[in-house]
Protein backbone atom coordinates (compact mmCIF):
# COMPACT_ATOMS: atom_id res chain seq x y z
CA MET A 1 28.13 -89.10 145.61
CA LEU A 2 27.70 -85.43 144.79
CA PHE A 3 27.68 -85.67 141.01
CA THR A 4 26.61 -88.38 138.65
CA ILE A 5 27.29 -88.54 134.95
CA PRO A 6 24.11 -89.30 133.03
CA ASP A 7 24.02 -92.33 130.79
CA TRP A 8 23.25 -91.03 127.31
CA SER A 9 24.23 -94.22 125.51
CA HIS A 10 20.61 -94.85 124.54
CA LEU A 11 20.45 -91.60 122.53
CA GLU A 12 21.19 -91.50 118.83
CA ARG A 13 24.51 -89.90 118.06
CA ASP A 14 24.65 -87.07 115.54
CA ASP A 15 28.24 -86.37 114.56
CA SER A 16 27.34 -83.58 112.16
CA PHE A 17 27.99 -80.99 114.88
CA ALA A 18 30.91 -82.71 116.56
CA ILE A 19 34.07 -80.71 117.12
CA THR A 20 37.20 -82.71 116.61
CA MET A 21 39.96 -81.91 119.03
CA PRO A 22 43.50 -82.82 118.13
CA VAL A 23 45.13 -85.15 120.59
CA LYS A 24 48.86 -84.92 121.22
CA THR A 25 51.15 -86.98 123.38
CA ASN A 26 53.78 -85.19 125.46
CA GLU A 27 57.28 -86.40 126.36
CA GLN A 28 55.96 -88.36 129.36
CA GLY A 29 53.47 -90.24 127.18
CA GLN A 30 50.45 -88.36 128.56
CA ARG A 31 47.63 -87.63 126.14
CA MET A 32 46.75 -83.95 125.82
CA PHE A 33 43.61 -82.57 124.24
CA CYS A 34 44.10 -79.30 122.36
CA LEU A 35 41.10 -77.03 122.68
CA PRO A 36 40.13 -75.08 119.58
CA GLY A 37 40.89 -71.35 119.47
CA THR A 38 37.31 -70.23 120.04
CA LEU A 39 38.31 -66.56 120.14
CA ASP A 40 40.35 -66.64 116.91
CA ASN A 41 37.43 -65.31 114.87
CA TRP A 42 35.55 -63.52 117.64
CA PRO A 43 33.48 -60.84 115.86
CA TRP A 44 33.29 -58.25 118.66
CA PRO A 45 36.06 -56.04 119.99
CA ARG A 46 37.24 -56.53 123.55
CA ALA A 47 35.81 -53.88 125.86
CA MET A 48 36.60 -53.13 129.47
CA ASN A 49 34.59 -50.98 131.84
CA ARG A 50 35.91 -47.43 131.97
CA HIS A 51 35.53 -47.39 135.77
CA TYR A 52 37.84 -50.39 136.21
CA LYS A 53 40.76 -48.73 138.04
CA GLU A 54 38.65 -46.68 140.43
CA ILE A 55 36.22 -49.44 141.30
CA GLN A 56 38.96 -52.07 141.46
CA ALA A 57 40.57 -50.12 144.31
CA ARG A 58 37.27 -49.79 146.20
CA SER A 59 36.27 -53.40 145.73
CA ASP A 60 39.76 -54.60 146.71
CA ALA A 61 39.73 -52.50 149.87
CA TRP A 62 36.32 -53.88 150.80
CA MET A 63 37.39 -57.47 150.13
CA HIS A 64 40.69 -57.15 152.02
CA SER A 65 38.85 -55.75 155.04
CA PHE A 66 37.41 -59.23 155.62
CA LYS A 67 40.78 -60.99 155.80
CA ALA A 68 39.06 -63.93 154.13
CA PHE A 69 42.24 -65.95 153.66
CA ASN A 70 44.30 -67.15 156.58
CA ASN A 71 47.70 -66.88 154.94
CA LYS A 72 49.53 -64.53 152.59
CA GLN A 73 49.95 -67.18 149.92
CA SER A 74 46.18 -67.73 149.67
CA GLN A 75 45.51 -63.98 149.59
CA ARG A 76 48.16 -63.48 146.90
CA ALA A 77 46.62 -66.28 144.81
CA PHE A 78 43.18 -64.68 145.17
CA ASP A 79 44.52 -61.27 144.15
CA MET A 80 46.23 -62.74 141.08
CA VAL A 81 42.87 -63.89 139.71
CA ASP A 82 41.82 -60.22 139.39
CA THR A 83 38.10 -60.85 139.59
CA ARG A 84 37.54 -57.13 139.00
CA ARG A 85 39.07 -57.46 135.51
CA VAL A 86 36.72 -60.37 134.86
CA ALA A 87 33.81 -58.18 135.94
CA SER A 88 35.11 -55.38 133.72
CA LEU A 89 34.92 -57.71 130.73
CA PHE A 90 31.50 -59.04 131.78
CA TYR A 91 30.04 -55.57 132.31
CA PRO A 92 31.95 -53.26 129.93
CA PHE A 93 29.19 -50.65 129.66
CA ALA A 94 27.81 -50.75 133.21
CA THR A 95 27.51 -47.61 135.29
CA LYS A 96 29.97 -47.09 138.10
CA GLU A 97 27.44 -48.35 140.69
CA HIS A 98 26.42 -51.41 138.70
CA PHE A 99 30.03 -52.20 137.91
CA ARG A 100 30.86 -52.09 141.63
CA THR A 101 28.09 -54.62 142.23
CA GLY A 102 29.55 -56.82 139.48
CA CYS A 103 33.04 -56.60 141.00
CA ASP A 104 31.78 -57.44 144.46
CA LEU A 105 29.74 -60.34 143.09
CA MET A 106 32.81 -61.81 141.36
CA ASN A 107 34.77 -61.42 144.61
CA LEU A 108 31.97 -63.10 146.55
CA PHE A 109 31.93 -66.07 144.16
CA PHE A 110 35.70 -66.44 144.37
CA VAL A 111 35.64 -66.39 148.17
CA ILE A 112 32.75 -68.82 148.53
CA ASP A 113 34.46 -71.36 146.28
CA PRO A 114 37.58 -72.14 148.37
CA TYR A 115 35.54 -72.14 151.57
CA THR A 116 33.14 -74.75 150.24
CA ASP A 117 35.66 -76.86 148.31
CA VAL A 118 37.26 -78.26 151.45
CA GLU A 119 34.13 -79.00 153.50
CA PRO A 120 31.78 -81.97 153.62
CA ALA A 121 28.28 -81.59 152.14
CA HIS A 122 26.49 -80.90 155.44
CA VAL A 123 28.88 -78.01 156.26
CA VAL A 124 28.50 -76.58 152.75
CA ARG A 125 24.71 -76.75 153.21
CA GLU A 126 25.06 -74.72 156.42
CA MET A 127 27.20 -72.16 154.57
CA ALA A 128 24.64 -71.98 151.76
CA ASP A 129 21.86 -71.39 154.30
CA ILE A 130 23.87 -68.53 155.83
CA ILE A 131 24.44 -66.97 152.40
CA ILE A 132 20.75 -67.29 151.48
CA ASP A 133 19.69 -65.78 154.80
CA ALA A 134 22.08 -62.84 154.24
CA LEU A 135 20.65 -62.25 150.75
CA ASN A 136 17.08 -62.35 152.05
CA ASN A 137 17.83 -60.20 155.11
CA PRO A 138 20.50 -57.62 154.27
CA ASP A 139 19.29 -55.35 157.10
CA LYS A 140 19.68 -58.07 159.75
CA PRO A 141 22.95 -58.05 161.72
CA ARG A 142 24.83 -61.31 161.34
CA PRO A 143 25.29 -63.46 164.46
CA GLU A 144 28.53 -63.22 166.42
CA GLY A 145 30.98 -65.97 165.44
CA GLU A 146 29.26 -66.77 162.14
CA ILE A 147 31.47 -67.65 159.18
CA LEU A 148 32.43 -64.47 157.30
CA LEU A 149 30.46 -65.52 154.21
CA GLY A 150 27.30 -64.26 155.92
CA GLU A 151 28.58 -60.73 156.50
CA LEU A 152 30.34 -60.64 153.14
CA THR A 153 27.09 -61.57 151.38
CA ARG A 154 25.03 -59.19 153.52
CA GLN A 155 27.26 -56.24 152.69
CA PHE A 156 27.39 -57.18 149.01
CA TRP A 157 23.61 -57.29 148.70
CA ASP A 158 22.97 -54.32 150.97
CA ARG A 159 25.01 -52.20 148.54
CA GLY A 160 23.88 -53.97 145.37
CA ARG A 161 20.13 -53.85 145.99
CA LYS A 162 20.21 -50.05 146.13
CA THR A 163 21.02 -49.81 142.42
CA ALA A 164 19.46 -53.06 141.19
CA THR A 165 16.36 -52.91 139.05
CA PRO A 166 13.26 -54.42 140.71
CA SER A 167 13.46 -57.38 138.36
CA ALA A 168 17.18 -58.00 139.04
CA ALA A 169 16.59 -57.68 142.80
CA MET A 170 13.73 -60.17 142.62
CA HIS A 171 15.86 -62.67 140.71
CA MET A 172 18.74 -62.29 143.16
CA VAL A 173 16.64 -63.36 146.12
CA LYS A 174 13.86 -65.39 144.50
CA HIS A 175 16.05 -68.14 143.04
CA ASN A 176 18.28 -68.79 146.01
């Protein structure tokens, strides 16, 4: 089993901080939980990175060069997520170079996910080892026939490490 749910029944329950979620029942009799509008009273204005359009095009071109998805439907679904917009919201004040790293990182995460979701644990471990090796050795050519995650990660970090602070670079490779 990959995940286990901890047994917290022995802990005392403190309901003073509990959030009550309304429960509705739809026409088919299914129970639906309604999440609270957490952004209704958000105190900060929404900000997007000013380099979004320019860097989106560059990051998209780089990502599409890998042909990471084997059919048009999968590629279209990936493109609809618009990971670059997510990065723009995550890094609204980043420089052009740092924003590019953020965009490429979001793309990398969203490519790794579908590759690992469909594989057994031992194959995912092999993929993780390839990704870690690529992060630790961005100057090393990737082996012929290796899954594209290795080269994708290598190129991401080869570009990203050039503008990363020493501390950010250390954290990127130290904790993998």
